[in-house]
Amino acid sequence: MPLLSPELQLSKPWQPSSVWKIFPRQAQAFDYVKTCKEEVHVFALEKNTEDGQRFYLVTTYIELWFYYK
């Protein structure tokens, strides 16, 4: 599953609703976290470029583990 895919879903209907948002700035990611009802977290990721540009993923531990285990 590509990291930047806009429509990701967990495979089981009883699992929590999908939260998977990418932000170019850390402050934007933390502002979004404040609006979420789910227990979400911010993860910093780096693109594979020479400048090492980071972007920030907001999702739950369950969803992150679902796609990266």
N, C-alpha and C. Protein backbone atom coordinates (compact mmCIF):
# COMPACT_ATOMS: atom_id res chain seq x y z
N MET A 1 0.86 -1.17 0.00
CA MET A 1 0.00 0.00 0.00
C MET A 1 0.90 1.23 0.00
N PRO A 2 0.76 2.11 -0.99
CA PRO A 2 1.61 3.30 -1.03
C PRO A 2 1.34 4.23 0.15
N LEU A 3 2.38 4.83 0.65
CA LEU A 3 2.26 5.69 1.82
C LEU A 3 1.34 6.88 1.57
N LEU A 4 1.38 7.44 0.40
CA LEU A 4 0.60 8.65 0.13
C LEU A 4 -0.77 8.37 -0.46
N SER A 5 -1.21 7.14 -0.43
CA SER A 5 -2.53 6.79 -0.95
C SER A 5 -3.61 7.55 -0.19
N PRO A 6 -4.49 8.26 -0.89
CA PRO A 6 -5.48 9.09 -0.21
C PRO A 6 -6.60 8.31 0.47
N GLU A 7 -6.89 7.12 0.01
CA GLU A 7 -8.03 6.36 0.55
C GLU A 7 -7.57 5.01 1.08
N LEU A 8 -7.15 4.99 2.32
CA LEU A 8 -6.74 3.74 2.94
C LEU A 8 -7.83 3.30 3.90
N GLN A 9 -8.03 1.99 4.00
CA GLN A 9 -9.03 1.49 4.93
C GLN A 9 -8.53 0.21 5.58
N LEU A 10 -8.85 0.06 6.82
CA LEU A 10 -8.56 -1.20 7.48
C LEU A 10 -9.48 -2.27 6.92
N SER A 11 -9.09 -3.51 7.03
CA SER A 11 -9.84 -4.57 6.37
C SER A 11 -11.07 -5.05 7.15
N LYS A 12 -11.17 -4.74 8.41
CA LYS A 12 -12.27 -5.25 9.23
C LYS A 12 -13.20 -4.11 9.66
N PRO A 13 -14.50 -4.28 9.49
CA PRO A 13 -15.44 -3.19 9.80
C PRO A 13 -15.47 -2.79 11.27
N TRP A 14 -15.09 -3.70 12.18
CA TRP A 14 -15.12 -3.35 13.61
C TRP A 14 -13.89 -2.55 14.05
N GLN A 15 -12.93 -2.39 13.16
CA GLN A 15 -11.74 -1.62 13.52
C GLN A 15 -12.05 -0.12 13.47
N PRO A 16 -11.23 0.69 14.13
CA PRO A 16 -11.53 2.12 14.20
C PRO A 16 -11.57 2.77 12.83
N SER A 17 -12.27 3.90 12.77
CA SER A 17 -12.36 4.61 11.50
C SER A 17 -10.97 5.04 11.04
N SER A 18 -10.83 5.14 9.75
CA SER A 18 -9.53 5.42 9.15
C SER A 18 -9.14 6.88 9.33
N VAL A 19 -7.96 7.11 9.89
CA VAL A 19 -7.36 8.44 9.94
C VAL A 19 -5.97 8.28 9.35
N TRP A 20 -5.76 8.95 8.22
CA TRP A 20 -4.48 8.84 7.52
C TRP A 20 -4.28 10.14 6.76
N LYS A 21 -3.64 11.10 7.39
CA LYS A 21 -3.46 12.42 6.78
C LYS A 21 -1.99 12.76 6.73
N ILE A 22 -1.56 13.33 5.62
CA ILE A 22 -0.18 13.74 5.40
C ILE A 22 -0.11 15.27 5.42
N PHE A 23 0.89 15.80 6.11
CA PHE A 23 1.07 17.25 6.20
C PHE A 23 2.52 17.61 5.88
N PRO A 24 2.74 18.74 5.21
CA PRO A 24 4.11 19.16 4.91
C PRO A 24 4.79 19.82 6.11
N ARG A 25 4.01 20.28 7.08
CA ARG A 25 4.57 20.97 8.25
C ARG A 25 4.12 20.29 9.54
N GLN A 26 5.05 20.20 10.48
CA GLN A 26 4.77 19.56 11.75
C GLN A 26 3.65 20.27 12.51
N ALA A 27 3.65 21.59 12.50
CA ALA A 27 2.62 22.35 13.21
C ALA A 27 1.24 22.05 12.67
N GLN A 28 1.11 21.88 11.36
CA GLN A 28 -0.18 21.54 10.76
C GLN A 28 -0.66 20.18 11.24
N ALA A 29 0.26 19.24 11.34
CA ALA A 29 -0.09 17.89 11.80
C ALA A 29 -0.60 17.94 13.24
N PHE A 30 0.10 18.68 14.11
CA PHE A 30 -0.33 18.75 15.51
C PHE A 30 -1.64 19.52 15.66
N ASP A 31 -1.87 20.52 14.81
CA ASP A 31 -3.16 21.22 14.84
C ASP A 31 -4.29 20.27 14.46
N TYR A 32 -4.05 19.42 13.47
CA TYR A 32 -5.06 18.45 13.06
C TYR A 32 -5.34 17.44 14.17
N VAL A 33 -4.30 16.99 14.87
CA VAL A 33 -4.47 16.04 15.97
C VAL A 33 -5.46 16.57 17.00
N LYS A 34 -5.40 17.86 17.26
CA LYS A 34 -6.29 18.48 18.26
C LYS A 34 -7.76 18.39 17.87
N THR A 35 -8.04 18.20 16.58
CA THR A 35 -9.43 18.13 16.10
C THR A 35 -9.96 16.70 16.02
N CYS A 36 -9.12 15.72 16.23
CA CYS A 36 -9.51 14.32 16.07
C CYS A 36 -10.13 13.76 17.35
N LYS A 37 -11.16 12.95 17.16
CA LYS A 37 -11.77 12.24 18.29
C LYS A 37 -10.99 10.96 18.60
N GLU A 38 -10.40 10.36 17.58
CA GLU A 38 -9.61 9.15 17.76
C GLU A 38 -8.28 9.48 18.43
N GLU A 39 -7.67 8.47 19.03
CA GLU A 39 -6.33 8.66 19.62
C GLU A 39 -5.31 8.50 18.49
N VAL A 40 -4.89 9.62 17.93
CA VAL A 40 -3.96 9.62 16.81
C VAL A 40 -2.61 10.17 17.25
N HIS A 41 -1.62 9.92 16.42
CA HIS A 41 -0.24 10.33 16.71
C HIS A 41 0.38 10.89 15.44
N VAL A 42 1.44 11.67 15.62
CA VAL A 42 2.17 12.25 14.49
C VAL A 42 3.46 11.45 14.30
N PHE A 43 3.69 11.05 13.06
CA PHE A 43 4.90 10.32 12.70
C PHE A 43 5.66 11.14 11.66
N ALA A 44 6.95 11.35 11.89
CA ALA A 44 7.79 12.09 10.94
C ALA A 44 8.41 11.08 9.97
N LEU A 45 8.32 11.41 8.69
CA LEU A 45 8.86 10.54 7.65
C LEU A 45 9.72 11.39 6.72
N GLU A 46 10.70 10.76 6.09
CA GLU A 46 11.56 11.46 5.15
C GLU A 46 11.38 10.90 3.76
N LYS A 47 11.29 11.80 2.80
CA LYS A 47 11.24 11.37 1.41
C LYS A 47 12.63 10.94 0.99
N ASN A 48 12.69 10.10 0.01
CA ASN A 48 13.97 9.62 -0.50
C ASN A 48 14.59 10.64 -1.44
N THR A 49 15.00 11.76 -0.90
CA THR A 49 15.63 12.80 -1.71
C THR A 49 16.91 13.25 -1.03
N GLU A 50 17.74 13.95 -1.76
CA GLU A 50 19.01 14.41 -1.21
C GLU A 50 18.81 15.45 -0.11
N ASP A 51 17.76 16.24 -0.20
CA ASP A 51 17.56 17.29 0.80
C ASP A 51 16.91 16.76 2.08
N GLY A 52 16.50 15.49 2.09
CA GLY A 52 15.95 14.89 3.30
C GLY A 52 14.67 15.55 3.79
N GLN A 53 13.84 16.00 2.87
CA GLN A 53 12.60 16.69 3.23
C GLN A 53 11.69 15.77 4.03
N ARG A 54 11.19 16.27 5.14
CA ARG A 54 10.28 15.50 5.99
C ARG A 54 8.83 15.86 5.69
N PHE A 55 7.98 14.90 5.94
CA PHE A 55 6.55 15.16 5.97
C PHE A 55 6.00 14.42 7.17
N TYR A 56 4.76 14.72 7.53
CA TYR A 56 4.21 14.26 8.80
C TYR A 56 2.90 13.53 8.57
N LEU A 57 2.84 12.33 9.07
CA LEU A 57 1.67 11.46 8.94
C LEU A 57 0.92 11.46 10.26
N VAL A 58 -0.39 11.66 10.20
CA VAL A 58 -1.25 11.55 11.38
C VAL A 58 -2.11 10.31 11.19
N THR A 59 -2.00 9.38 12.13
CA THR A 59 -2.80 8.16 12.09
C THR A 59 -2.78 7.51 13.47
N THR A 60 -3.47 6.40 13.59
CA THR A 60 -3.48 5.65 14.86
C THR A 60 -2.36 4.61 14.82
N TYR A 61 -1.97 4.14 16.00
CA TYR A 61 -0.99 3.05 16.06
C TYR A 61 -1.52 1.81 15.34
N ILE A 62 -2.80 1.53 15.53
CA ILE A 62 -3.41 0.34 14.92
C ILE A 62 -3.31 0.40 13.40
N GLU A 63 -3.64 1.55 12.84
CA GLU A 63 -3.61 1.67 11.39
C GLU A 63 -2.18 1.65 10.84
N LEU A 64 -1.28 2.32 11.51
CA LEU A 64 0.11 2.30 11.07
C LEU A 64 0.64 0.87 11.08
N TRP A 65 0.37 0.15 12.15
CA TRP A 65 0.84 -1.23 12.26
C TRP A 65 0.19 -2.12 11.20
N PHE A 66 -1.09 -1.87 10.89
CA PHE A 66 -1.81 -2.65 9.89
C PHE A 66 -1.09 -2.59 8.54
N TYR A 67 -0.59 -1.40 8.16
CA TYR A 67 0.04 -1.25 6.85
C TYR A 67 1.54 -1.52 6.85
N TYR A 68 2.19 -1.49 8.00
CA TYR A 68 3.65 -1.62 8.01
C TYR A 68 4.17 -2.81 8.79
N LYS A 69 3.31 -3.76 9.13
CA LYS A 69 3.82 -4.94 9.85
C LYS A 69 4.42 -5.94 8.90
